[in-house]
């Protein structure tokens, strides 16, 4: 073999030998583990449970931040650039995501949208008597994770995505996904049993309509001061209509979201002689909950106890 050909062959072999170290293979970060980025807490928890110790999961939304109004940082662009999989909800929940993606450069990023293929709800709540839903603009409610049966579909989507990226971990991912679906079915069964026999069937929300999927799943009606958009605010007339309806129907509990605050809920409660209870929308943890490592299941179990109280369930 001519000397020049031997030299070329040696150089090619050397190049092949260093390629895996220089260029991470698609589907894997340079650490050798899958890197997943999720926008909100339920998606991050589901992904962590499924992937176990075979990957790393980070949540874009920091503890205590509101998903609708939070603004991303430069460091969040880097998270996406080094990620293999991005999981978001969609349906307008993360208004900052597309601009964040425009700033990121990633040739191998895989994206899944958790709401895709689910049975979505337009609008989201019954209006208090005398009020129309002028805040909803015909958009779909993005709070899909509050239907635990639909969460099983989300878990399936994440499991399929990570298995495609890391086929060697497929057995692990399928097993973890199956365990997670079993827990979700148990949670759903607990809600069905506890909310079957209740004095009331209406959830009065002193804020925006974030609980339409939960209400639909368990045969409840959500009555909210305003629609699915958290940027809206009730007028005095709308607040008065909610108070009148609560008095007429004998509602004894007003619910509120921690991130929205309890001001309006307490105002209504004072007028109708009711108490006030928290309902967690579950899209994020408070800083204190994050320190305690509160789980999605713990948030939903707390919600169930407050619903049982507020609806007078036996």
C-alpha atoms as a PDB file:
ATOM      1  CA  UNK A   1       0.000   0.000   0.000  1.00  0.00           C
ATOM      2  CA  UNK A   2       1.465   3.433  -0.910  1.00  0.00           C
ATOM      3  CA  UNK A   3       2.789   5.398   2.059  1.00  0.00           C
ATOM      4  CA  UNK A   4       0.355   8.313   1.454  1.00  0.00           C
ATOM      5  CA  UNK A   5      -2.644   5.962   1.590  1.00  0.00           C
ATOM      6  CA  UNK A   6      -1.423   4.456   4.868  1.00  0.00           C
ATOM      7  CA  UNK A   7      -1.054   7.933   6.336  1.00  0.00           C
ATOM      8  CA  UNK A   8      -4.601   8.889   5.270  1.00  0.00           C
ATOM      9  CA  UNK A   9      -6.012   5.676   6.741  1.00  0.00           C
ATOM     10  CA  UNK A  10      -4.277   6.280  10.087  1.00  0.00           C
ATOM     11  CA  UNK A  11      -5.629   9.826  10.201  1.00  0.00           C
ATOM     12  CA  UNK A  12      -9.191   8.617   9.467  1.00  0.00           C
ATOM     13  CA  UNK A  13      -9.019   5.987  12.215  1.00  0.00           C
ATOM     14  CA  UNK A  14      -7.772   8.589  14.682  1.00  0.00           C
ATOM     15  CA  UNK A  15     -10.612  10.920  13.707  1.00  0.00           C
ATOM     16  CA  UNK A  16     -13.220   8.184  14.189  1.00  0.00           C
ATOM     17  CA  UNK A  17     -11.759   7.367  17.602  1.00  0.00           C
ATOM     18  CA  UNK A  18     -12.207  10.913  18.912  1.00  0.00           C
ATOM     19  CA  UNK A  19     -15.595  11.693  17.348  1.00  0.00           C
ATOM     20  CA  UNK A  20     -17.751  10.244  20.178  1.00  0.00           C
ATOM     21  CA  UNK A  21     -15.941  12.398  22.744  1.00  0.00           C
ATOM     22  CA  UNK A  22     -16.074  15.529  20.609  1.00  0.00           C
ATOM     23  CA  UNK A  23     -19.674  15.272  19.416  1.00  0.00           C
ATOM     24  CA  UNK A  24     -22.313  13.973  21.864  1.00  0.00           C
ATOM     25  CA  UNK A  25     -24.491  11.461  20.074  1.00  0.00           C
ATOM     26  CA  UNK A  26     -28.062  12.637  19.477  1.00  0.00           C
ATOM     27  CA  UNK A  27     -30.342  12.011  22.406  1.00  0.00           C
ATOM     28  CA  UNK A  28     -27.654  12.292  25.067  1.00  0.00           C
ATOM     29  CA  UNK A  29     -26.023  15.195  26.820  1.00  0.00           C
ATOM     30  CA  UNK A  30     -22.260  15.351  27.214  1.00  0.00           C
ATOM     31  CA  UNK A  31     -22.648  13.900  30.730  1.00  0.00           C
ATOM     32  CA  UNK A  32     -23.800  10.593  29.250  1.00  0.00           C
ATOM     33  CA  UNK A  33     -27.244  10.960  30.824  1.00  0.00           C
ATOM     34  CA  UNK A  34     -30.441  12.271  29.321  1.00  0.00           C
ATOM     35  CA  UNK A  35     -31.176  15.865  30.199  1.00  0.00           C
ATOM     36  CA  UNK A  36     -34.826  16.833  30.409  1.00  0.00           C
ATOM     37  CA  UNK A  37     -36.288  20.301  30.888  1.00  0.00           C
ATOM     38  CA  UNK A  38     -39.913  20.707  31.966  1.00  0.00           C
ATOM     39  CA  UNK A  39     -41.750  23.993  32.197  1.00  0.00           C
ATOM     40  CA  UNK A  40     -43.953  23.321  35.252  1.00  0.00           C
ATOM     41  CA  UNK A  41     -43.935  21.186  38.389  1.00  0.00           C
ATOM     42  CA  UNK A  42     -46.242  18.264  37.480  1.00  0.00           C
ATOM     43  CA  UNK A  43     -44.368  17.604  34.246  1.00  0.00           C
ATOM     44  CA  UNK A  44     -41.013  17.785  36.027  1.00  0.00           C
ATOM     45  CA  UNK A  45     -42.156  15.366  38.735  1.00  0.00           C
ATOM     46  CA  UNK A  46     -43.574  12.899  36.223  1.00  0.00           C
ATOM     47  CA  UNK A  47     -40.327  13.018  34.222  1.00  0.00           C
ATOM     48  CA  UNK A  48     -38.148  12.498  37.316  1.00  0.00           C
ATOM     49  CA  UNK A  49     -40.215   9.517  38.376  1.00  0.00           C
ATOM     50  CA  UNK A  50     -40.023   7.922  34.933  1.00  0.00           C
ATOM     51  CA  UNK A  51     -36.348   8.507  34.250  1.00  0.00           C
ATOM     52  CA  UNK A  52     -35.037   7.667  37.724  1.00  0.00           C
ATOM     53  CA  UNK A  53     -31.239   7.892  37.988  1.00  0.00           C
ATOM     54  CA  UNK A  54     -30.677   7.495  34.250  1.00  0.00           C
ATOM     55  CA  UNK A  55     -31.063  11.217  33.621  1.00  0.00           C
ATOM     56  CA  UNK A  56     -31.383  14.717  34.986  1.00  0.00           C
ATOM     57  CA  UNK A  57     -34.582  16.778  35.086  1.00  0.00           C
ATOM     58  CA  UNK A  58     -34.750  20.528  35.647  1.00  0.00           C
ATOM     59  CA  UNK A  59     -37.791  22.768  35.895  1.00  0.00           C
ATOM     60  CA  UNK A  60     -37.714  26.107  34.121  1.00  0.00           C
ATOM     61  CA  UNK A  61     -40.246  27.795  36.405  1.00  0.00           C
ATOM     62  CA  UNK A  62     -38.512  28.521  39.750  1.00  0.00           C
ATOM     63  CA  UNK A  63     -40.344  27.870  43.055  1.00  0.00           C
ATOM     64  CA  UNK A  64     -42.845  30.586  43.908  1.00  0.00           C
ATOM     65  CA  UNK A  65     -43.051  31.975  40.369  1.00  0.00           C
ATOM     66  CA  UNK A  66     -46.356  32.333  38.538  1.00  0.00           C
ATOM     67  CA  UNK A  67     -46.292  30.544  35.206  1.00  0.00           C
ATOM     68  CA  UNK A  68     -48.357  33.230  33.472  1.00  0.00           C
ATOM     69  CA  UNK A  69     -46.245  36.255  34.429  1.00  0.00           C
ATOM     70  CA  UNK A  70     -42.722  34.931  35.026  1.00  0.00           C
ATOM     71  CA  UNK A  71     -39.943  36.136  32.753  1.00  0.00           C
ATOM     72  CA  UNK A  72     -37.104  33.759  31.777  1.00  0.00           C
ATOM     73  CA  UNK A  73     -33.437  34.411  32.426  1.00  0.00           C
ATOM     74  CA  UNK A  74     -30.353  33.963  30.280  1.00  0.00           C
ATOM     75  CA  UNK A  75     -29.462  30.837  32.272  1.00  0.00           C
ATOM     76  CA  UNK A  76     -32.733  29.261  31.109  1.00  0.00           C
ATOM     77  CA  UNK A  77     -31.553  29.490  27.505  1.00  0.00           C
ATOM     78  CA  UNK A  78     -28.524  27.426  28.478  1.00  0.00           C
ATOM     79  CA  UNK A  79     -30.779  24.809  30.110  1.00  0.00           C
ATOM     80  CA  UNK A  80     -32.621  24.343  26.847  1.00  0.00           C
ATOM     81  CA  UNK A  81     -29.453  24.355  24.730  1.00  0.00           C
ATOM     82  CA  UNK A  82     -27.986  21.465  26.735  1.00  0.00           C
ATOM     83  CA  UNK A  83     -31.256  19.505  27.000  1.00  0.00           C
ATOM     84  CA  UNK A  84     -32.322  16.480  25.007  1.00  0.00           C
ATOM     85  CA  UNK A  85     -36.046  16.747  25.747  1.00  0.00           C
ATOM     86  CA  UNK A  86     -38.304  19.717  26.487  1.00  0.00           C
ATOM     87  CA  UNK A  87     -41.736  19.052  28.009  1.00  0.00           C
ATOM     88  CA  UNK A  88     -44.317  21.831  28.074  1.00  0.00           C
ATOM     89  CA  UNK A  89     -48.089  22.050  28.532  1.00  0.00           C
ATOM     90  CA  UNK A  90     -49.019  24.404  25.714  1.00  0.00           C
ATOM     91  CA  UNK A  91     -52.435  26.045  25.212  1.00  0.00           C
ATOM     92  CA  UNK A  92     -50.970  29.410  26.191  1.00  0.00           C
ATOM     93  CA  UNK A  93     -49.885  28.377  29.687  1.00  0.00           C
ATOM     94  CA  UNK A  94     -46.239  29.312  29.060  1.00  0.00           C
ATOM     95  CA  UNK A  95     -46.436  32.613  27.119  1.00  0.00           C
ATOM     96  CA  UNK A  96     -42.669  33.109  27.462  1.00  0.00           C
ATOM     97  CA  UNK A  97     -41.584  29.773  26.015  1.00  0.00           C
ATOM     98  CA  UNK A  98     -41.411  30.552  22.293  1.00  0.00           C
ATOM     99  CA  UNK A  99     -39.267  33.645  22.819  1.00  0.00           C
ATOM    100  CA  UNK A 100     -37.004  31.577  25.064  1.00  0.00           C
ATOM    101  CA  UNK A 101     -36.647  28.935  22.367  1.00  0.00           C
ATOM    102  CA  UNK A 102     -35.748  31.552  19.767  1.00  0.00           C
ATOM    103  CA  UNK A 103     -32.705  32.461  21.840  1.00  0.00           C
ATOM    104  CA  UNK A 104     -31.594  28.859  22.252  1.00  0.00           C
ATOM    105  CA  UNK A 105     -29.544  26.910  19.715  1.00  0.00           C
ATOM    106  CA  UNK A 106     -30.014  23.163  19.859  1.00  0.00           C
ATOM    107  CA  UNK A 107     -29.789  20.772  16.951  1.00  0.00           C
ATOM    108  CA  UNK A 108     -31.030  17.719  18.829  1.00  0.00           C
ATOM    109  CA  UNK A 109     -33.762  19.057  21.134  1.00  0.00           C
ATOM    110  CA  UNK A 110     -36.938  16.950  21.130  1.00  0.00           C
ATOM    111  CA  UNK A 111     -40.163  18.667  22.197  1.00  0.00           C
ATOM    112  CA  UNK A 112     -43.422  17.231  23.466  1.00  0.00           C
ATOM    113  CA  UNK A 113     -46.530  19.194  24.408  1.00  0.00           C
ATOM    114  CA  UNK A 114     -48.431  17.527  27.239  1.00  0.00           C
ATOM    115  CA  UNK A 115     -51.848  18.834  26.192  1.00  0.00           C
ATOM    116  CA  UNK A 116     -51.613  17.376  22.693  1.00  0.00           C
ATOM    117  CA  UNK A 117     -54.254  14.731  22.061  1.00  0.00           C
ATOM    118  CA  UNK A 118     -56.103  15.325  25.348  1.00  0.00           C
ATOM    119  CA  UNK A 119     -59.796  16.167  25.746  1.00  0.00           C
ATOM    120  CA  UNK A 120     -59.530  19.915  26.290  1.00  0.00           C
ATOM    121  CA  UNK A 121     -62.073  22.263  27.831  1.00  0.00           C
ATOM    122  CA  UNK A 122     -62.864  25.611  26.275  1.00  0.00           C
ATOM    123  CA  UNK A 123     -63.306  28.434  28.779  1.00  0.00           C
ATOM    124  CA  UNK A 124     -63.502  26.624  32.063  1.00  0.00           C
ATOM    125  CA  UNK A 125     -66.187  27.652  34.535  1.00  0.00           C
ATOM    126  CA  UNK A 126     -69.785  28.487  35.102  1.00  0.00           C
ATOM    127  CA  UNK A 127     -70.221  32.226  35.460  1.00  0.00           C
ATOM    128  CA  UNK A 128     -71.992  33.599  38.512  1.00  0.00           C
ATOM    129  CA  UNK A 129     -75.600  34.402  37.689  1.00  0.00           C
ATOM    130  CA  UNK A 130     -75.858  37.523  35.577  1.00  0.00           C
ATOM    131  CA  UNK A 131     -72.303  37.402  34.243  1.00  0.00           C
ATOM    132  CA  UNK A 132     -70.939  36.121  30.963  1.00  0.00           C
ATOM    133  CA  UNK A 133     -67.441  34.791  30.426  1.00  0.00           C
ATOM    134  CA  UNK A 134     -66.004  37.874  28.811  1.00  0.00           C
ATOM    135  CA  UNK A 135     -62.447  37.012  29.874  1.00  0.00           C
ATOM    136  CA  UNK A 136     -61.998  33.627  28.246  1.00  0.00           C
ATOM    137  CA  UNK A 137     -61.677  34.631  24.573  1.00  0.00           C
ATOM    138  CA  UNK A 138     -62.659  31.085  23.562  1.00  0.00           C
ATOM    139  CA  UNK A 139     -59.270  29.661  24.585  1.00  0.00           C
ATOM    140  CA  UNK A 140     -58.755  26.183  25.994  1.00  0.00           C
ATOM    141  CA  UNK A 141     -58.052  25.759  29.680  1.00  0.00           C
ATOM    142  CA  UNK A 142     -54.401  24.633  29.954  1.00  0.00           C
ATOM    143  CA  UNK A 143     -54.626  23.122  33.484  1.00  0.00           C
ATOM    144  CA  UNK A 144     -54.826  19.593  32.060  1.00  0.00           C
ATOM    145  CA  UNK A 145     -52.832  17.897  34.856  1.00  0.00           C
ATOM    146  CA  UNK A 146     -55.820  18.298  37.224  1.00  0.00           C
ATOM    147  CA  UNK A 147     -57.515  15.395  35.438  1.00  0.00           C
ATOM    148  CA  UNK A 148     -55.614  12.384  36.744  1.00  0.00           C
ATOM    149  CA  UNK A 149     -56.868  10.102  33.986  1.00  0.00           C
ATOM    150  CA  UNK A 150     -55.371  12.469  31.425  1.00  0.00           C
ATOM    151  CA  UNK A 151     -52.165  12.507  33.471  1.00  0.00           C
ATOM    152  CA  UNK A 152     -51.803   8.853  32.548  1.00  0.00           C
ATOM    153  CA  UNK A 153     -51.692   9.884  28.882  1.00  0.00           C
ATOM    154  CA  UNK A 154     -49.051  12.495  29.712  1.00  0.00           C
ATOM    155  CA  UNK A 155     -46.997   9.835  31.486  1.00  0.00           C
ATOM    156  CA  UNK A 156     -47.284   7.613  28.392  1.00  0.00           C
ATOM    157  CA  UNK A 157     -46.044  10.453  26.155  1.00  0.00           C
ATOM    158  CA  UNK A 158     -43.016  11.115  28.364  1.00  0.00           C
ATOM    159  CA  UNK A 159     -42.223   7.408  28.616  1.00  0.00           C
ATOM    160  CA  UNK A 160     -42.313   6.997  24.829  1.00  0.00           C
ATOM    161  CA  UNK A 161     -40.116  10.064  24.318  1.00  0.00           C
ATOM    162  CA  UNK A 162     -37.358   9.024  26.732  1.00  0.00           C
ATOM    163  CA  UNK A 163     -37.416   5.452  25.427  1.00  0.00           C
ATOM    164  CA  UNK A 164     -36.852   6.703  21.871  1.00  0.00           C
ATOM    165  CA  UNK A 165     -33.927   8.803  23.086  1.00  0.00           C
ATOM    166  CA  UNK A 166     -32.446   6.056  25.269  1.00  0.00           C
ATOM    167  CA  UNK A 167     -33.649   2.620  24.102  1.00  0.00           C
ATOM    168  CA  UNK A 168     -31.283   0.872  26.538  1.00  0.00           C
ATOM    169  CA  UNK A 169     -33.337   2.293  29.399  1.00  0.00           C
ATOM    170  CA  UNK A 170     -36.677   1.312  27.921  1.00  0.00           C
ATOM    171  CA  UNK A 171     -37.411  -1.424  30.457  1.00  0.00           C
ATOM    172  CA  UNK A 172     -36.682   0.937  33.349  1.00  0.00           C
ATOM    173  CA  UNK A 173     -38.800   3.721  31.872  1.00  0.00           C
ATOM    174  CA  UNK A 174     -41.733   1.415  31.153  1.00  0.00           C
ATOM    175  CA  UNK A 175     -41.634   0.023  34.680  1.00  0.00           C
ATOM    176  CA  UNK A 176     -41.433   3.444  36.314  1.00  0.00           C
ATOM    177  CA  UNK A 177     -44.169   4.772  34.052  1.00  0.00           C
ATOM    178  CA  UNK A 178     -46.403   1.832  34.931  1.00  0.00           C
ATOM    179  CA  UNK A 179     -45.879   2.448  38.668  1.00  0.00           C
ATOM    180  CA  UNK A 180     -46.699   6.132  38.206  1.00  0.00           C
ATOM    181  CA  UNK A 181     -49.900   5.338  36.310  1.00  0.00           C
ATOM    182  CA  UNK A 182     -50.921   2.996  39.134  1.00  0.00           C
ATOM    183  CA  UNK A 183     -50.468   5.808  41.659  1.00  0.00           C
ATOM    184  CA  UNK A 184     -52.521   8.149  39.485  1.00  0.00           C
ATOM    185  CA  UNK A 185     -55.322   5.590  39.226  1.00  0.00           C
ATOM    186  CA  UNK A 186     -55.297   5.209  43.017  1.00  0.00           C
ATOM    187  CA  UNK A 187     -55.504   8.988  43.431  1.00  0.00           C
ATOM    188  CA  UNK A 188     -58.379   9.133  40.964  1.00  0.00           C
ATOM    189  CA  UNK A 189     -60.203   6.348  42.842  1.00  0.00           C
ATOM    190  CA  UNK A 190     -59.752   8.196  46.140  1.00  0.00           C
ATOM    191  CA  UNK A 191     -61.281  11.354  44.627  1.00  0.00           C
ATOM    192  CA  UNK A 192     -64.190   9.409  43.142  1.00  0.00           C
ATOM    193  CA  UNK A 193     -64.975   7.690  46.435  1.00  0.00           C
ATOM    194  CA  UNK A 194     -64.627  10.814  48.576  1.00  0.00           C
ATOM    195  CA  UNK A 195     -66.609  13.133  46.283  1.00  0.00           C
ATOM    196  CA  UNK A 196     -69.415  10.718  45.456  1.00  0.00           C
ATOM    197  CA  UNK A 197     -71.777  11.722  48.292  1.00  0.00           C
ATOM    198  CA  UNK A 198     -71.507  15.415  49.048  1.00  0.00           C
ATOM    199  CA  UNK A 199     -74.052  17.977  50.163  1.00  0.00           C
ATOM    200  CA  UNK A 200     -72.916  20.409  47.468  1.00  0.00           C
ATOM    201  CA  UNK A 201     -71.535  20.013  43.951  1.00  0.00           C
ATOM    202  CA  UNK A 202     -70.341  23.569  43.284  1.00  0.00           C
ATOM    203  CA  UNK A 203     -66.819  24.847  43.897  1.00  0.00           C
ATOM    204  CA  UNK A 204     -66.829  28.615  44.440  1.00  0.00           C
ATOM    205  CA  UNK A 205     -63.417  30.020  43.452  1.00  0.00           C
ATOM    206  CA  UNK A 206     -62.449  33.505  44.614  1.00  0.00           C
ATOM    207  CA  UNK A 207     -60.189  33.871  41.609  1.00  0.00           C
ATOM    208  CA  UNK A 208     -59.730  32.519  38.094  1.00  0.00           C
ATOM    209  CA  UNK A 209     -61.108  29.281  36.708  1.00  0.00           C
ATOM    210  CA  UNK A 210     -58.206  26.855  37.045  1.00  0.00           C
ATOM    211  CA  UNK A 211     -60.133  23.743  38.126  1.00  0.00           C
ATOM    212  CA  UNK A 212     -62.386  22.880  35.201  1.00  0.00           C
ATOM    213  CA  UNK A 213     -60.704  19.510  34.538  1.00  0.00           C
ATOM    214  CA  UNK A 214     -61.030  18.452  38.151  1.00  0.00           C
ATOM    215  CA  UNK A 215     -64.671  19.558  38.178  1.00  0.00           C
ATOM    216  CA  UNK A 216     -65.488  17.703  34.956  1.00  0.00           C
ATOM    217  CA  UNK A 217     -63.823  14.510  36.139  1.00  0.00           C
ATOM    218  CA  UNK A 218     -65.844  14.290  39.372  1.00  0.00           C
ATOM    219  CA  UNK A 219     -69.178  15.745  38.335  1.00  0.00           C
ATOM    220  CA  UNK A 220     -68.668  19.099  40.028  1.00  0.00           C
ATOM    221  CA  UNK A 221     -69.341  22.629  38.831  1.00  0.00           C
ATOM    222  CA  UNK A 222     -66.727  25.331  39.124  1.00  0.00           C
ATOM    223  CA  UNK A 223     -68.064  28.833  39.803  1.00  0.00           C
ATOM    224  CA  UNK A 224     -65.227  31.339  39.457  1.00  0.00           C
ATOM    225  CA  UNK A 225     -65.101  35.108  39.737  1.00  0.00           C
ATOM    226  CA  UNK A 226     -63.450  35.267  36.341  1.00  0.00           C
ATOM    227  CA  UNK A 227     -62.415  32.941  33.550  1.00  0.00           C
ATOM    228  CA  UNK A 228     -59.308  30.914  32.738  1.00  0.00           C
ATOM    229  CA  UNK A 229     -57.039  33.943  32.284  1.00  0.00           C
ATOM    230  CA  UNK A 230     -55.317  35.005  35.540  1.00  0.00           C
ATOM    231  CA  UNK A 231     -54.702  38.472  34.099  1.00  0.00           C
ATOM    232  CA  UNK A 232     -58.393  39.324  34.398  1.00  0.00           C
ATOM    233  CA  UNK A 233     -60.023  40.770  37.490  1.00  0.00           C
ATOM    234  CA  UNK A 234     -63.668  40.798  38.559  1.00  0.00           C
ATOM    235  CA  UNK A 235     -65.694  43.992  38.437  1.00  0.00           C
ATOM    236  CA  UNK A 236     -67.737  45.045  41.486  1.00  0.00           C
ATOM    237  CA  UNK A 237     -70.858  43.883  39.636  1.00  0.00           C
ATOM    238  CA  UNK A 238     -69.344  40.427  39.011  1.00  0.00           C
ATOM    239  CA  UNK A 239     -68.292  40.144  42.645  1.00  0.00           C
ATOM    240  CA  UNK A 240     -71.798  41.095  43.776  1.00  0.00           C
ATOM    241  CA  UNK A 241     -73.271  38.457  41.438  1.00  0.00           C
ATOM    242  CA  UNK A 242     -71.008  35.789  42.955  1.00  0.00           C
ATOM    243  CA  UNK A 243     -72.030  36.827  46.472  1.00  0.00           C
ATOM    244  CA  UNK A 244     -75.738  36.718  45.592  1.00  0.00           C
ATOM    245  CA  UNK A 245     -75.413  33.289  43.997  1.00  0.00           C
ATOM    246  CA  UNK A 246     -73.455  31.914  46.957  1.00  0.00           C
ATOM    247  CA  UNK A 247     -76.132  33.151  49.361  1.00  0.00           C
ATOM    248  CA  UNK A 248     -78.947  31.735  47.234  1.00  0.00           C
ATOM    249  CA  UNK A 249     -77.315  28.315  46.942  1.00  0.00           C
ATOM    250  CA  UNK A 250     -76.109  28.184  50.529  1.00  0.00           C
ATOM    251  CA  UNK A 251     -72.430  27.766  49.699  1.00  0.00           C
ATOM    252  CA  UNK A 252     -70.357  27.598  52.870  1.00  0.00           C
ATOM    253  CA  UNK A 253     -66.772  27.580  51.580  1.00  0.00           C
ATOM    254  CA  UNK A 254     -64.853  29.854  49.237  1.00  0.00           C
ATOM    255  CA  UNK A 255     -61.686  28.439  47.688  1.00  0.00           C
ATOM    256  CA  UNK A 256     -58.600  30.354  46.583  1.00  0.00           C
ATOM    257  CA  UNK A 257     -55.243  29.662  44.928  1.00  0.00           C
ATOM    258  CA  UNK A 258     -52.173  30.440  47.037  1.00  0.00           C
ATOM    259  CA  UNK A 259     -50.452  32.223  44.144  1.00  0.00           C
ATOM    260  CA  UNK A 260     -53.459  34.467  43.501  1.00  0.00           C
ATOM    261  CA  UNK A 261     -54.085  35.293  47.146  1.00  0.00           C
ATOM    262  CA  UNK A 262     -57.125  35.124  49.382  1.00  0.00           C
ATOM    263  CA  UNK A 263     -58.296  38.750  49.316  1.00  0.00           C
ATOM    264  CA  UNK A 264     -61.354  38.227  47.110  1.00  0.00           C
ATOM    265  CA  UNK A 265     -62.155  34.860  48.690  1.00  0.00           C
ATOM    266  CA  UNK A 266     -62.199  36.404  52.167  1.00  0.00           C
ATOM    267  CA  UNK A 267     -64.301  39.335  50.962  1.00  0.00           C
ATOM    268  CA  UNK A 268     -66.948  36.965  49.625  1.00  0.00           C
ATOM    269  CA  UNK A 269     -66.702  34.673  52.636  1.00  0.00           C
ATOM    270  CA  UNK A 270     -67.317  37.586  55.007  1.00  0.00           C
ATOM    271  CA  UNK A 271     -70.451  38.526  53.082  1.00  0.00           C
ATOM    272  CA  UNK A 272     -71.970  35.033  53.055  1.00  0.00           C
ATOM    273  CA  UNK A 273     -70.743  33.734  56.404  1.00  0.00           C
ATOM    274  CA  UNK A 274     -68.470  31.098  54.868  1.00  0.00           C
ATOM    275  CA  UNK A 275     -64.986  29.846  55.572  1.00  0.00           C
ATOM    276  CA  UNK A 276     -61.980  29.917  53.246  1.00  0.00           C
ATOM    277  CA  UNK A 277     -59.928  26.966  52.010  1.00  0.00           C
ATOM    278  CA  UNK A 278     -56.948  26.554  49.664  1.00  0.00           C
ATOM    279  CA  UNK A 279     -57.100  24.725  46.348  1.00  0.00           C
ATOM    280  CA  UNK A 280     -53.663  24.104  44.850  1.00  0.00           C
ATOM    281  CA  UNK A 281     -53.568  24.399  41.052  1.00  0.00           C
ATOM    282  CA  UNK A 282     -50.333  22.428  41.273  1.00  0.00           C
ATOM    283  CA  UNK A 283     -48.375  24.102  38.468  1.00  0.00           C
ATOM    284  CA  UNK A 284     -45.611  25.100  40.882  1.00  0.00           C
ATOM    285  CA  UNK A 285     -44.402  24.811  44.458  1.00  0.00           C
ATOM    286  CA  UNK A 286     -43.830  27.636  46.898  1.00  0.00           C
ATOM    287  CA  UNK A 287     -40.209  28.044  48.084  1.00  0.00           C
ATOM    288  CA  UNK A 288     -41.209  26.419  51.395  1.00  0.00           C
ATOM    289  CA  UNK A 289     -42.819  23.454  49.631  1.00  0.00           C
ATOM    290  CA  UNK A 290     -39.754  23.067  47.440  1.00  0.00           C
ATOM    291  CA  UNK A 291     -37.517  22.863  50.520  1.00  0.00           C
ATOM    292  CA  UNK A 292     -39.840  20.217  51.997  1.00  0.00           C
ATOM    293  CA  UNK A 293     -39.859  18.399  48.631  1.00  0.00           C
ATOM    294  CA  UNK A 294     -43.633  18.364  48.554  1.00  0.00           C
ATOM    295  CA  UNK A 295     -44.896  16.004  45.874  1.00  0.00           C
ATOM    296  CA  UNK A 296     -47.669  16.454  43.330  1.00  0.00           C
ATOM    297  CA  UNK A 297     -49.584  13.683  45.079  1.00  0.00           C
ATOM    298  CA  UNK A 298     -49.340  15.480  48.429  1.00  0.00           C
ATOM    299  CA  UNK A 299     -50.738  18.658  46.869  1.00  0.00           C
ATOM    300  CA  UNK A 300     -53.641  16.755  45.359  1.00  0.00           C
ATOM    301  CA  UNK A 301     -54.353  14.897  48.619  1.00  0.00           C
ATOM    302  CA  UNK A 302     -54.500  18.256  50.418  1.00  0.00           C
ATOM    303  CA  UNK A 303     -56.936  19.473  47.763  1.00  0.00           C
ATOM    304  CA  UNK A 304     -59.151  16.453  48.341  1.00  0.00           C
ATOM    305  CA  UNK A 305     -59.359  17.102  52.087  1.00  0.00           C
ATOM    306  CA  UNK A 306     -60.326  20.733  51.473  1.00  0.00           C
ATOM    307  CA  UNK A 307     -62.903  19.755  48.850  1.00  0.00           C
ATOM    308  CA  UNK A 308     -64.478  17.207  51.205  1.00  0.00           C
ATOM    309  CA  UNK A 309     -64.803  19.941  53.836  1.00  0.00           C
ATOM    310  CA  UNK A 310     -66.075  22.597  51.452  1.00  0.00           C
ATOM    311  CA  UNK A 311     -68.638  20.393  49.725  1.00  0.00           C
ATOM    312  CA  UNK A 312     -69.864  18.652  52.870  1.00  0.00           C
ATOM    313  CA  UNK A 313     -68.901  15.147  51.740  1.00  0.00           C
ATOM    314  CA  UNK A 314     -69.741  12.078  53.804  1.00  0.00           C
END
